[in-house]
C-alpha atoms as a PDB file:
ATOM      1  CA  MET A   1      51.867  34.041-228.962  1.00  0.00           C
ATOM      2  CA  SER A   2      53.049  30.524-228.123  1.00  0.00           C
ATOM      3  CA  GLY A   3      56.210  30.442-226.030  1.00  0.00           C
ATOM      4  CA  GLN A   4      56.108  34.115-225.053  1.00  0.00           C
ATOM      5  CA  PRO A   5      56.409  34.804-221.329  1.00  0.00           C
ATOM      6  CA  LEU A   6      53.510  35.983-219.230  1.00  0.00           C
ATOM      7  CA  LEU A   7      54.193  38.910-216.929  1.00  0.00           C
ATOM      8  CA  THR A   8      53.665  37.904-213.327  1.00  0.00           C
ATOM      9  CA  VAL A   9      53.545  40.781-210.834  1.00  0.00           C
ATOM     10  CA  SER A  10      52.363  41.496-207.328  1.00  0.00           C
ATOM     11  CA  ALA A  11      49.046  43.257-206.920  1.00  0.00           C
ATOM     12  CA  SER A  12      50.733  46.207-205.232  1.00  0.00           C
ATOM     13  CA  ARG A  13      53.178  46.718-208.128  1.00  0.00           C
ATOM     14  CA  ALA A  14      50.398  46.401-210.678  1.00  0.00           C
ATOM     15  CA  GLN A  15      48.265  48.948-208.809  1.00  0.00           C
ATOM     16  CA  ALA A  16      51.152  51.405-208.605  1.00  0.00           C
ATOM     17  CA  PHE A  17      51.771  51.006-212.359  1.00  0.00           C
ATOM     18  CA  VAL A  18      48.107  51.557-213.289  1.00  0.00           C
ATOM     19  CA  THR A  19      47.880  54.538-210.937  1.00  0.00           C
ATOM     20  CA  ALA A  20      50.965  56.095-212.548  1.00  0.00           C
ATOM     21  CA  LEU A  21      49.567  55.628-216.067  1.00  0.00           C
ATOM     22  CA  LEU A  22      46.245  57.232-215.166  1.00  0.00           C
ATOM     23  CA  GLU A  23      47.908  60.097-213.276  1.00  0.00           C
ATOM     24  CA  ALA A  24      50.109  60.745-216.317  1.00  0.00           C
ATOM     25  CA  THR A  25      46.931  61.346-218.361  1.00  0.00           C
ATOM     26  CA  GLY A  26      45.745  63.934-215.815  1.00  0.00           C
ATOM     27  CA  VAL A  27      43.410  61.798-213.689  1.00  0.00           C
ATOM     28  CA  PRO A  28      43.295  62.955-210.018  1.00  0.00           C
ATOM     29  CA  VAL A  29      45.371  60.640-207.846  1.00  0.00           C
ATOM     30  CA  SER A  30      42.436  59.534-205.660  1.00  0.00           C
ATOM     31  CA  ILE A  31      40.477  58.436-208.736  1.00  0.00           C
ATOM     32  CA  ALA A  32      43.543  56.818-210.339  1.00  0.00           C
ATOM     33  CA  ARG A  33      44.140  54.750-207.204  1.00  0.00           C
ATOM     34  CA  GLU A  34      40.529  53.616-207.010  1.00  0.00           C
ATOM     35  CA  VAL A  35      40.426  52.527-210.645  1.00  0.00           C
ATOM     36  CA  ALA A  36      43.776  50.755-210.271  1.00  0.00           C
ATOM     37  CA  GLU A  37      42.520  48.857-207.236  1.00  0.00           C
ATOM     38  CA  ALA A  38      39.342  47.806-209.086  1.00  0.00           C
ATOM     39  CA  LEU A  39      41.190  46.603-212.198  1.00  0.00           C
ATOM     40  CA  VAL A  40      43.752  44.601-210.244  1.00  0.00           C
ATOM     41  CA  GLU A  41      41.001  43.187-208.016  1.00  0.00           C
ATOM     42  CA  ALA A  42      39.262  41.847-211.122  1.00  0.00           C
ATOM     43  CA  ASP A  43      42.462  40.099-212.237  1.00  0.00           C
ATOM     44  CA  LEU A  44      43.033  38.651-208.771  1.00  0.00           C
ATOM     45  CA  GLU A  45      39.505  37.239-208.716  1.00  0.00           C
ATOM     46  CA  GLY A  46      39.709  35.585-212.112  1.00  0.00           C
ATOM     47  CA  ALA A  47      37.706  38.238-213.998  1.00  0.00           C
ATOM     48  CA  ALA A  48      40.597  39.182-216.291  1.00  0.00           C
ATOM     49  CA  SER A  49      38.168  40.423-218.954  1.00  0.00           C
ATOM     50  CA  HIS A  50      37.441  43.341-216.591  1.00  0.00           C
ATOM     51  CA  GLY A  51      40.993  43.791-215.321  1.00  0.00           C
ATOM     52  CA  LEU A  52      44.040  45.440-216.874  1.00  0.00           C
ATOM     53  CA  LEU A  53      42.737  44.364-220.287  1.00  0.00           C
ATOM     54  CA  GLN A  54      40.421  47.395-220.123  1.00  0.00           C
ATOM     55  CA  LEU A  55      43.128  49.956-219.357  1.00  0.00           C
ATOM     56  CA  PRO A  56      44.385  50.767-222.894  1.00  0.00           C
ATOM     57  CA  ASN A  57      40.858  51.653-223.976  1.00  0.00           C
ATOM     58  CA  TYR A  58      40.327  53.850-220.914  1.00  0.00           C
ATOM     59  CA  ILE A  59      43.515  55.732-221.713  1.00  0.00           C
ATOM     60  CA  ARG A  60      42.542  56.174-225.377  1.00  0.00           C
ATOM     61  CA  ARG A  61      39.241  57.660-224.257  1.00  0.00           C
ATOM     62  CA  LEU A  62      40.860  59.870-221.612  1.00  0.00           C
ATOM     63  CA  ARG A  63      43.084  61.281-224.329  1.00  0.00           C
ATOM     64  CA  ALA A  64      40.092  61.750-226.648  1.00  0.00           C
ATOM     65  CA  GLY A  65      38.009  63.394-223.906  1.00  0.00           C
ATOM     66  CA  THR A  66      35.227  60.785-223.971  1.00  0.00           C
ATOM     67  CA  ILE A  67      36.217  59.683-220.493  1.00  0.00           C
ATOM     68  CA  SER A  68      36.520  62.776-218.330  1.00  0.00           C
ATOM     69  CA  LYS A  69      38.798  63.606-215.414  1.00  0.00           C
ATOM     70  CA  HIS A  70      35.956  64.614-213.099  1.00  0.00           C
ATOM     71  CA  ASP A  71      36.247  63.234-209.592  1.00  0.00           C
ATOM     72  CA  LYS A  72      32.645  63.499-208.364  1.00  0.00           C
ATOM     73  CA  LEU A  73      29.154  62.663-209.529  1.00  0.00           C
ATOM     74  CA  GLN A  74      27.016  65.740-210.152  1.00  0.00           C
ATOM     75  CA  PRO A  75      23.667  65.740-208.267  1.00  0.00           C
ATOM     76  CA  VAL A  76      20.542  66.108-210.396  1.00  0.00           C
ATOM     77  CA  ILE A  77      17.730  64.974-208.052  1.00  0.00           C
ATOM     78  CA  ASP A  78      17.866  64.259-204.317  1.00  0.00           C
ATOM     79  CA  ARG A  79      14.471  63.366-202.911  1.00  0.00           C
ATOM     80  CA  GLY A  80      14.038  61.128-199.862  1.00  0.00           C
ATOM     81  CA  ALA A  81      15.185  57.595-200.621  1.00  0.00           C
ATOM     82  CA  ILE A  82      16.111  58.312-204.243  1.00  0.00           C
ATOM     83  CA  ALA A  83      18.733  60.308-206.097  1.00  0.00           C
ATOM     84  CA  VAL A  84      19.801  60.883-209.682  1.00  0.00           C
ATOM     85  CA  PHE A  85      23.350  61.843-210.628  1.00  0.00           C
ATOM     86  CA  ASP A  86      25.180  62.840-213.796  1.00  0.00           C
ATOM     87  CA  ALA A  87      28.536  61.049-214.030  1.00  0.00           C
ATOM     88  CA  ARG A  88      29.732  63.464-216.738  1.00  0.00           C
ATOM     89  CA  LEU A  89      31.676  60.547-218.292  1.00  0.00           C
ATOM     90  CA  MET A  90      33.984  60.175-215.289  1.00  0.00           C
ATOM     91  CA  LEU A  91      35.873  56.908-214.842  1.00  0.00           C
ATOM     92  CA  GLY A  92      33.170  54.395-214.010  1.00  0.00           C
ATOM     93  CA  HIS A  93      34.791  52.554-211.096  1.00  0.00           C
ATOM     94  CA  ALA A  94      34.993  55.738-209.048  1.00  0.00           C
ATOM     95  CA  GLY A  95      31.540  56.929-210.095  1.00  0.00           C
ATOM     96  CA  GLY A  96      29.996  53.529-209.366  1.00  0.00           C
ATOM     97  CA  THR A  97      31.501  53.486-205.879  1.00  0.00           C
ATOM     98  CA  GLN A  98      30.121  56.971-205.175  1.00  0.00           C
ATOM     99  CA  ALA A  99      26.679  55.963-206.456  1.00  0.00           C
ATOM    100  CA  MET A 100      26.462  52.881-204.227  1.00  0.00           C
ATOM    101  CA  GLU A 101      27.774  54.900-201.282  1.00  0.00           C
ATOM    102  CA  ALA A 102      24.894  57.329-201.796  1.00  0.00           C
ATOM    103  CA  ALA A 103      22.387  54.455-202.068  1.00  0.00           C
ATOM    104  CA  ALA A 104      23.784  52.904-198.880  1.00  0.00           C
ATOM    105  CA  HIS A 105      23.474  56.181-196.979  1.00  0.00           C
ATOM    106  CA  LYS A 106      19.832  56.468-197.996  1.00  0.00           C
ATOM    107  CA  ALA A 107      19.132  52.844-197.089  1.00  0.00           C
ATOM    108  CA  ILE A 108      20.504  53.377-193.595  1.00  0.00           C
ATOM    109  CA  THR A 109      18.150  56.360-193.241  1.00  0.00           C
ATOM    110  CA  PHE A 110      15.033  55.127-195.047  1.00  0.00           C
ATOM    111  CA  GLY A 111      15.457  51.349-195.233  1.00  0.00           C
ATOM    112  CA  LEU A 112      15.797  51.549-199.021  1.00  0.00           C
ATOM    113  CA  GLY A 113      17.997  53.640-201.278  1.00  0.00           C
ATOM    114  CA  ALA A 114      17.877  53.897-205.080  1.00  0.00           C
ATOM    115  CA  VAL A 115      20.388  55.900-207.105  1.00  0.00           C
ATOM    116  CA  ALA A 116      20.253  56.273-210.897  1.00  0.00           C
ATOM    117  CA  VAL A 117      23.183  57.654-212.881  1.00  0.00           C
ATOM    118  CA  ARG A 118      23.317  58.983-216.417  1.00  0.00           C
ATOM    119  CA  ASN A 119      26.278  59.744-218.684  1.00  0.00           C
ATOM    120  CA  GLY A 120      28.273  56.932-217.125  1.00  0.00           C
ATOM    121  CA  THR A 121      31.184  54.954-218.537  1.00  0.00           C
ATOM    122  CA  HIS A 122      32.330  51.348-218.195  1.00  0.00           C
ATOM    123  CA  PHE A 123      32.407  50.572-214.463  1.00  0.00           C
ATOM    124  CA  GLY A 124      34.048  47.155-214.511  1.00  0.00           C
ATOM    125  CA  VAL A 125      32.821  44.230-212.439  1.00  0.00           C
ATOM    126  CA  CYS A 126      29.191  44.851-211.492  1.00  0.00           C
ATOM    127  CA  GLY A 127      29.488  42.639-208.415  1.00  0.00           C
ATOM    128  CA  ARG A 128      32.014  45.052-206.918  1.00  0.00           C
ATOM    129  CA  TYR A 129      29.176  47.447-206.080  1.00  0.00           C
ATOM    130  CA  ALA A 130      26.898  44.754-204.670  1.00  0.00           C
ATOM    131  CA  ARG A 131      29.798  43.668-202.425  1.00  0.00           C
ATOM    132  CA  GLN A 132      30.330  47.291-201.434  1.00  0.00           C
ATOM    133  CA  ALA A 133      26.825  47.277-199.959  1.00  0.00           C
ATOM    134  CA  THR A 134      27.246  43.900-198.239  1.00  0.00           C
ATOM    135  CA  SER A 135      30.414  45.177-196.542  1.00  0.00           C
ATOM    136  CA  LYS A 136      28.107  47.579-194.691  1.00  0.00           C
ATOM    137  CA  GLY A 137      25.644  44.816-193.824  1.00  0.00           C
ATOM    138  CA  LEU A 138      23.249  45.941-196.565  1.00  0.00           C
ATOM    139  CA  ILE A 139      21.702  44.114-199.490  1.00  0.00           C
ATOM    140  CA  GLY A 140      23.118  45.585-202.700  1.00  0.00           C
ATOM    141  CA  ILE A 141      21.720  45.579-206.242  1.00  0.00           C
ATOM    142  CA  ALA A 142      23.621  47.045-209.186  1.00  0.00           C
ATOM    143  CA  MET A 143      22.875  47.120-212.891  1.00  0.00           C
ATOM    144  CA  CYS A 144      24.000  48.928-216.013  1.00  0.00           C
ATOM    145  CA  ASN A 145      23.042  49.121-219.662  1.00  0.00           C
ATOM    146  CA  THR A 146      25.447  48.804-222.583  1.00  0.00           C
ATOM    147  CA  ARG A 147      25.343  49.347-226.337  1.00  0.00           C
ATOM    148  CA  PRO A 148      23.148  46.921-228.312  1.00  0.00           C
ATOM    149  CA  MET A 149      24.974  43.641-228.879  1.00  0.00           C
ATOM    150  CA  MET A 150      22.235  40.980-228.589  1.00  0.00           C
ATOM    151  CA  PRO A 151      19.371  40.224-230.978  1.00  0.00           C
ATOM    152  CA  ALA A 152      15.816  39.536-229.894  1.00  0.00           C
ATOM    153  CA  PRO A 153      14.850  35.843-230.040  1.00  0.00           C
ATOM    154  CA  GLU A 154      14.894  34.771-233.699  1.00  0.00           C
ATOM    155  CA  GLY A 155      16.305  38.184-234.659  1.00  0.00           C
ATOM    156  CA  SER A 156      19.546  38.963-236.461  1.00  0.00           C
ATOM    157  CA  THR A 157      19.985  42.637-235.501  1.00  0.00           C
ATOM    158  CA  PRO A 158      21.451  43.723-232.147  1.00  0.00           C
ATOM    159  CA  VAL A 159      18.802  45.641-230.205  1.00  0.00           C
ATOM    160  CA  VAL A 160      19.803  45.413-226.529  1.00  0.00           C
ATOM    161  CA  GLY A 161      23.013  45.192-224.515  1.00  0.00           C
ATOM    162  CA  ASN A 162      24.135  42.233-222.436  1.00  0.00           C
ATOM    163  CA  ASN A 163      23.379  44.477-219.455  1.00  0.00           C
ATOM    164  CA  PRO A 164      24.960  43.151-216.228  1.00  0.00           C
ATOM    165  CA  LEU A 165      23.114  42.611-212.959  1.00  0.00           C
ATOM    166  CA  ALA A 166      24.578  41.949-209.509  1.00  0.00           C
ATOM    167  CA  VAL A 167      22.760  41.175-206.258  1.00  0.00           C
ATOM    168  CA  GLY A 168      24.628  40.852-202.966  1.00  0.00           C
ATOM    169  CA  ILE A 169      23.204  39.422-199.720  1.00  0.00           C
ATOM    170  CA  PRO A 170      25.173  39.833-196.489  1.00  0.00           C
ATOM    171  CA  ALA A 171      25.671  36.620-194.539  1.00  0.00           C
ATOM    172  CA  ALA A 172      27.234  35.580-191.268  1.00  0.00           C
ATOM    173  CA  GLU A 173      30.848  34.386-191.281  1.00  0.00           C
ATOM    174  CA  GLY A 174      31.886  37.269-193.561  1.00  0.00           C
ATOM    175  CA  LYS A 175      31.019  35.505-196.818  1.00  0.00           C
ATOM    176  CA  PRO A 176      28.296  37.412-198.694  1.00  0.00           C
ATOM    177  CA  ILE A 177      26.283  35.675-201.403  1.00  0.00           C
ATOM    178  CA  VAL A 178      26.817  37.650-204.618  1.00  0.00           C
ATOM    179  CA  LEU A 179      25.230  36.921-207.990  1.00  0.00           C
ATOM    180  CA  ASP A 180      27.043  38.756-210.793  1.00  0.00           C
ATOM    181  CA  MET A 181      26.045  38.046-214.370  1.00  0.00           C
ATOM    182  CA  ALA A 182      25.754  39.553-217.814  1.00  0.00           C
ATOM    183  CA  MET A 183      22.615  38.688-219.741  1.00  0.00           C
ATOM    184  CA  SER A 184      24.509  37.212-222.679  1.00  0.00           C
ATOM    185  CA  ALA A 185      25.717  33.627-222.847  1.00  0.00           C
ATOM    186  CA  THR A 186      29.176  35.055-222.094  1.00  0.00           C
ATOM    187  CA  ALA A 187      30.507  38.528-221.312  1.00  0.00           C
ATOM    188  CA  MET A 188      31.799  40.667-224.182  1.00  0.00           C
ATOM    189  CA  GLY A 189      34.961  41.206-222.143  1.00  0.00           C
ATOM    190  CA  LYS A 190      35.651  37.462-222.326  1.00  0.00           C
ATOM    191  CA  ILE A 191      35.216  37.517-226.104  1.00  0.00           C
ATOM    192  CA  ARG A 192      37.636  40.442-226.270  1.00  0.00           C
ATOM    193  CA  GLN A 193      40.080  38.581-224.043  1.00  0.00           C
ATOM    194  CA  ALA A 194      39.920  35.555-226.371  1.00  0.00           C
ATOM    195  CA  MET A 195      40.695  37.826-229.322  1.00  0.00           C
ATOM    196  CA  VAL A 196      43.725  39.318-227.554  1.00  0.00           C
ATOM    197  CA  GLU A 197      44.964  35.826-226.678  1.00  0.00           C
ATOM    198  CA  GLY A 198      44.328  34.460-230.166  1.00  0.00           C
ATOM    199  CA  ARG A 199      41.792  31.846-229.007  1.00  0.00           C
ATOM    200  CA  LYS A 200      38.550  30.623-230.520  1.00  0.00           C
ATOM    201  CA  ILE A 201      35.363  31.030-228.504  1.00  0.00           C
ATOM    202  CA  GLU A 202      33.028  28.184-227.676  1.00  0.00           C
ATOM    203  CA  PRO A 203      30.114  27.472-230.044  1.00  0.00           C
ATOM    204  CA  GLY A 204      26.692  28.850-229.146  1.00  0.00           C
ATOM    205  CA  LEU A 205      27.951  32.158-227.752  1.00  0.00           C
ATOM    206  CA  ALA A 206      27.855  34.546-230.706  1.00  0.00           C
ATOM    207  CA  LEU A 207      26.770  35.354-234.261  1.00  0.00           C
ATOM    208  CA  ASP A 208      28.740  37.249-236.894  1.00  0.00           C
ATOM    209  CA  LYS A 209      27.403  40.475-238.431  1.00  0.00           C
ATOM    210  CA  ASP A 210      25.298  38.453-240.873  1.00  0.00           C
ATOM    211  CA  GLY A 211      23.627  36.450-238.097  1.00  0.00           C
ATOM    212  CA  VAL A 212      25.669  33.285-238.709  1.00  0.00           C
ATOM    213  CA  PRO A 213      26.972  31.355-235.643  1.00  0.00           C
ATOM    214  CA  THR A 214      30.707  31.905-235.169  1.00  0.00           C
ATOM    215  CA  GLU A 215      33.606  30.719-233.025  1.00  0.00           C
ATOM    216  CA  ASP A 216      35.853  33.562-234.197  1.00  0.00           C
ATOM    217  CA  ALA A 217      36.277  36.201-231.476  1.00  0.00           C
ATOM    218  CA  SER A 218      36.835  39.072-233.940  1.00  0.00           C
ATOM    219  CA  ALA A 219      33.703  38.134-235.891  1.00  0.00           C
ATOM    220  CA  ALA A 220      31.733  37.974-232.633  1.00  0.00           C
ATOM    221  CA  ILE A 221      32.895  41.458-231.608  1.00  0.00           C
ATOM    222  CA  SER A 222      31.734  42.930-234.912  1.00  0.00           C
ATOM    223  CA  GLY A 223      28.612  40.772-234.771  1.00  0.00           C
ATOM    224  CA  MET A 224      26.321  39.829-231.872  1.00  0.00           C
ATOM    225  CA  LEU A 225      26.330  37.929-228.613  1.00  0.00           C
ATOM    226  CA  LEU A 226      23.523  35.475-227.925  1.00  0.00           C
ATOM    227  CA  PRO A 227      21.399  35.972-224.801  1.00  0.00           C
ATOM    228  CA  ALA A 228      21.743  33.596-221.871  1.00  0.00           C
ATOM    229  CA  ALA A 229      18.768  31.208-221.717  1.00  0.00           C
ATOM    230  CA  GLY A 230      17.274  32.633-224.901  1.00  0.00           C
ATOM    231  CA  ALA A 231      14.150  34.729-224.382  1.00  0.00           C
ATOM    232  CA  LYS A 232      14.695  34.840-220.598  1.00  0.00           C
ATOM    233  CA  GLY A 233      18.117  36.466-220.872  1.00  0.00           C
ATOM    234  CA  PHE A 234      16.874  38.826-223.558  1.00  0.00           C
ATOM    235  CA  GLY A 235      13.885  39.859-221.447  1.00  0.00           C
ATOM    236  CA  LEU A 236      16.024  40.544-218.380  1.00  0.00           C
ATOM    237  CA  ALA A 237      18.473  42.580-220.477  1.00  0.00           C
ATOM    238  CA  LEU A 238      15.600  44.642-221.849  1.00  0.00           C
ATOM    239  CA  MET A 239      14.236  45.367-218.362  1.00  0.00           C
ATOM    240  CA  ILE A 240      17.685  46.434-217.106  1.00  0.00           C
ATOM    241  CA  ASP A 241      18.036  48.735-220.114  1.00  0.00           C
ATOM    242  CA  LEU A 242      14.658  50.318-219.395  1.00  0.00           C
ATOM    243  CA  LEU A 243      15.178  50.646-215.639  1.00  0.00           C
ATOM    244  CA  SER A 244      18.650  52.143-215.979  1.00  0.00           C
ATOM    245  CA  GLY A 245      17.878  54.467-218.867  1.00  0.00           C
ATOM    246  CA  LEU A 246      14.415  55.657-217.885  1.00  0.00           C
ATOM    247  CA  LEU A 247      15.095  56.278-214.188  1.00  0.00           C
ATOM    248  CA  SER A 248      18.371  58.125-214.829  1.00  0.00           C
ATOM    249  CA  GLY A 249      17.082  60.096-217.801  1.00  0.00           C
ATOM    250  CA  GLY A 250      20.105  58.743-219.660  1.00  0.00           C
ATOM    251  CA  SER A 251      20.848  56.745-222.775  1.00  0.00           C
ATOM    252  CA  MET A 252      19.397  53.341-223.615  1.00  0.00           C
ATOM    253  CA  GLY A 253      18.971  51.059-226.595  1.00  0.00           C
ATOM    254  CA  ASN A 254      20.550  52.336-229.801  1.00  0.00           C
ATOM    255  CA  GLU A 255      21.283  55.694-228.141  1.00  0.00           C
ATOM    256  CA  LEU A 256      24.343  53.967-226.660  1.00  0.00           C
ATOM    257  CA  ALA A 257      27.627  53.653-228.549  1.00  0.00           C
ATOM    258  CA  SER A 258      30.303  50.992-228.198  1.00  0.00           C
ATOM    259  CA  MET A 259      32.909  51.530-225.497  1.00  0.00           C
ATOM    260  CA  TYR A 260      35.372  49.892-227.879  1.00  0.00           C
ATOM    261  CA  GLY A 261      34.427  51.858-230.987  1.00  0.00           C
ATOM    262  CA  ASP A 262      35.531  55.319-232.063  1.00  0.00           C
ATOM    263  CA  PRO A 263      37.234  56.816-228.958  1.00  0.00           C
ATOM    264  CA  GLY A 264      36.023  60.238-230.062  1.00  0.00           C
ATOM    265  CA  GLN A 265      32.377  59.172-229.684  1.00  0.00           C
ATOM    266  CA  PRO A 266      31.070  59.091-226.080  1.00  0.00           C
ATOM    267  CA  ALA A 267      29.851  55.650-225.060  1.00  0.00           C
ATOM    268  CA  ASP A 268      27.748  56.938-222.206  1.00  0.00           C
ATOM    269  CA  CYS A 269      25.645  54.391-220.372  1.00  0.00           C
ATOM    270  CA  SER A 270      23.164  54.441-217.502  1.00  0.00           C
ATOM    271  CA  TRP A 271      23.462  52.779-214.091  1.00  0.00           C
ATOM    272  CA  LEU A 272      21.055  51.900-211.297  1.00  0.00           C
ATOM    273  CA  MET A 273      22.285  51.152-207.768  1.00  0.00           C
ATOM    274  CA  MET A 274      20.031  50.069-204.914  1.00  0.00           C
ATOM    275  CA  ALA A 275      20.679  49.260-201.273  1.00  0.00           C
ATOM    276  CA  ILE A 276      18.388  47.717-198.668  1.00  0.00           C
ATOM    277  CA  GLU A 277      18.851  47.815-194.898  1.00  0.00           C
ATOM    278  CA  PRO A 278      17.693  44.351-193.752  1.00  0.00           C
ATOM    279  CA  GLY A 279      17.346  45.635-190.197  1.00  0.00           C
ATOM    280  CA  PHE A 280      14.156  47.433-191.269  1.00  0.00           C
ATOM    281  CA  PHE A 281      12.643  44.040-192.139  1.00  0.00           C
ATOM    282  CA  GLY A 282      13.712  41.976-189.134  1.00  0.00           C
ATOM    283  CA  ASP A 283      16.617  41.135-186.857  1.00  0.00           C
ATOM    284  CA  ARG A 284      19.825  41.891-188.772  1.00  0.00           C
ATOM    285  CA  ALA A 285      21.925  39.157-187.158  1.00  0.00           C
ATOM    286  CA  GLU A 286      19.217  36.529-187.631  1.00  0.00           C
ATOM    287  CA  LEU A 287      18.826  37.388-191.307  1.00  0.00           C
ATOM    288  CA  ARG A 288      22.573  37.131-191.854  1.00  0.00           C
ATOM    289  CA  GLU A 289      22.696  33.747-190.115  1.00  0.00           C
ATOM    290  CA  ARG A 290      19.774  32.407-192.152  1.00  0.00           C
ATOM    291  CA  ALA A 291      21.547  33.471-195.355  1.00  0.00           C
ATOM    292  CA  ALA A 292      24.754  31.756-194.198  1.00  0.00           C
ATOM    293  CA  ALA A 293      22.831  28.590-193.289  1.00  0.00           C
ATOM    294  CA  LEU A 294      21.391  28.352-196.805  1.00  0.00           C
ATOM    295  CA  ALA A 295      24.852  28.932-198.280  1.00  0.00           C
ATOM    296  CA  ARG A 296      26.232  26.075-196.155  1.00  0.00           C
ATOM    297  CA  GLN A 297      23.388  23.854-197.321  1.00  0.00           C
ATOM    298  CA  ILE A 298      24.263  24.588-200.954  1.00  0.00           C
ATOM    299  CA  SER A 299      28.009  24.045-200.600  1.00  0.00           C
ATOM    300  CA  SER A 300      27.561  20.788-198.671  1.00  0.00           C
ATOM    301  CA  SER A 301      24.850  19.361-200.940  1.00  0.00           C
ATOM    302  CA  ARG A 302      25.455  16.075-202.736  1.00  0.00           C
ATOM    303  CA  THR A 303      27.217  16.244-206.101  1.00  0.00           C
ATOM    304  CA  ARG A 304      26.805  14.184-209.232  1.00  0.00           C
ATOM    305  CA  THR A 305      29.464  11.574-209.862  1.00  0.00           C
ATOM    306  CA  GLY A 306      32.685  13.257-210.965  1.00  0.00           C
ATOM    307  CA  ALA A 307      31.303  16.782-210.569  1.00  0.00           C
ATOM    308  CA  ALA A 308      32.965  19.610-208.650  1.00  0.00           C
ATOM    309  CA  ARG A 309      31.375  20.577-205.380  1.00  0.00           C
ATOM    310  CA  PRO A 310      28.405  22.975-205.610  1.00  0.00           C
ATOM    311  CA  GLN A 311      29.415  26.620-205.546  1.00  0.00           C
ATOM    312  CA  VAL A 312      27.615  29.457-203.765  1.00  0.00           C
ATOM    313  CA  PRO A 313      27.433  32.561-206.001  1.00  0.00           C
ATOM    314  CA  GLY A 314      30.325  34.871-205.179  1.00  0.00           C
ATOM    315  CA  HIS A 315      32.314  32.382-203.113  1.00  0.00           C
ATOM    316  CA  GLY A 316      34.350  31.132-206.077  1.00  0.00           C
ATOM    317  CA  ARG A 317      35.668  34.616-206.722  1.00  0.00           C
ATOM    318  CA  GLN A 318      36.804  34.885-203.102  1.00  0.00           C
ATOM    319  CA  GLU A 319      38.561  31.530-203.385  1.00  0.00           C
ATOM    320  CA  ARG A 320      40.332  32.558-206.576  1.00  0.00           C
ATOM    321  CA  ARG A 321      41.567  35.718-204.907  1.00  0.00           C
ATOM    322  CA  THR A 322      43.005  33.670-202.035  1.00  0.00           C
ATOM    323  CA  ALA A 323      44.594  31.224-204.476  1.00  0.00           C
ATOM    324  CA  SER A 324      46.221  34.093-206.417  1.00  0.00           C
ATOM    325  CA  ALA A 325      48.498  34.785-203.427  1.00  0.00           C
ATOM    326  CA  GLY A 326      48.355  38.473-204.280  1.00  0.00           C
ATOM    327  CA  ARG A 327      49.828  38.103-207.782  1.00  0.00           C
ATOM    328  CA  ILE A 328      48.399  38.568-211.266  1.00  0.00           C
ATOM    329  CA  THR A 329      49.535  37.404-214.699  1.00  0.00           C
ATOM    330  CA  ILE A 330      49.337  39.528-217.830  1.00  0.00           C
ATOM    331  CA  ALA A 331      49.236  38.123-221.358  1.00  0.00           C
ATOM    332  CA  PRO A 332      52.198  39.056-223.607  1.00  0.00           C
ATOM    333  CA  THR A 333      50.138  41.090-226.100  1.00  0.00           C
ATOM    334  CA  LEU A 334      48.528  43.143-223.348  1.00  0.00           C
ATOM    335  CA  ALA A 335      51.843  43.591-221.507  1.00  0.00           C
ATOM    336  CA  GLY A 336      53.407  44.943-224.692  1.00  0.00           C
ATOM    337  CA  GLU A 337      50.540  47.364-225.246  1.00  0.00           C
ATOM    338  CA  LEU A 338      50.617  48.614-221.656  1.00  0.00           C
ATOM    339  CA  ASN A 339      54.379  49.114-221.687  1.00  0.00           C
ATOM    340  CA  ALA A 340      54.186  50.967-225.008  1.00  0.00           C
ATOM    341  CA  ILE A 341      51.674  53.336-223.389  1.00  0.00           C
ATOM    342  CA  ALA A 342      53.963  53.662-220.353  1.00  0.00           C
ATOM    343  CA  ALA A 343      56.931  54.591-222.545  1.00  0.00           C
ATOM    344  CA  ASP A 344      54.809  57.186-224.363  1.00  0.00           C
ATOM    345  CA  LEU A 345      53.724  58.697-221.051  1.00  0.00           C
ATOM    346  CA  ALA A 346      57.249  58.594-219.567  1.00  0.00           C
ATOM    347  CA  VAL A 347      56.148  56.113-216.896  1.00  0.00           C
ATOM    348  CA  PRO A 348      58.515  53.256-215.915  1.00  0.00           C
ATOM    349  CA  VAL A 349      57.489  50.064-217.687  1.00  0.00           C
ATOM    350  CA  LEU A 350      56.105  47.106-215.777  1.00  0.00           C
ATOM    351  CA  ALA A 351      58.627  44.276-215.469  1.00  0.00           C
ATOM    352  CA  SER A 352      57.802  40.764-214.349  1.00  0.00           C
ATOM    353  CA  ASP A 353      58.550  39.500-210.854  1.00  0.00           C
ATOM    354  CA  GLN A 354      58.957  36.149-212.546  1.00  0.00           C
ATOM    355  CA  THR A 355      58.066  34.734-215.942  1.00  0.00           C
ATOM    356  CA  ILE A 356      55.888  31.801-216.897  1.00  0.00           C
ATOM    357  CA  LYS A 357      56.108  30.358-220.400  1.00  0.00           C
ATOM    358  CA  THR A 358      52.815  29.997-222.220  1.00  0.00           C
ATOM    359  CA  PRO A 359      52.127  26.530-223.671  1.00  0.00           C
END
């Protein structure tokens, strides 16, 4: 891959390209636009593992019918502050947005809202839904289970996913505090990105299929990720699996299949979205200011010699988006794959606004 040019394009051009690809597979335009916005947003914010890298797999599954073209969640239970929906394998970014919107509506009415979703698909950056709640002045909590890819402590068989969790707290000055983390030492999307880019992964992140530590991305994908913080990360992942699967009545544990495996096999997962109206607990403005004050205390705290300044969860992603100047870069291998799909679907290929040579 050395010496090949990276594609560098504006966010608006990238979104139009992704929208056109999804529309060409039969996805309703409103859903195609929402997914395109979410994927490009991930690239702008430095979460490339959840950006356009995911699109070829989505399209394979759309063609296979294991991602559907539905445009709305199907209600199953609606009772006071809680609801359960069936996503019917619709594109996860759109379904996730609808689920958090429903949770937010209930929180505004009842103070709390909890929405569980079954038969979901990959919904991208978990923090997107927590931020969706904070944009309404609400506290947002989002989580999702995935196919088993982590062993129990001392184990050598994958038994639980690296199930992501995001918590967003609204704060004054328009800068919410957003924790967004997978329960593995690194996200599977980052391992997959390393494989696409031909890079080794850092030691201590993964085991191969025989339970041997590996720095080979391909071996890690067919093997196991290690949990963050050992038993603590494993325990949190297990609880997210149980909460998401049990409350939605959906899949969990080894009932889940790999999103990146056989495209003919549904990889349905379960989600749980919650929203809290802080105004039910005290003065809204005061709570937001107290959150902002603590964030300022963190970012202005003393650093160790030679260390970068302390970072408030979620603020780094905002800074990376600003630094991107509204442009994303796409690795050569991925660009080639996307443009091959475009040619097959009779969609104009994506050309670079400018090129940057890789080292």
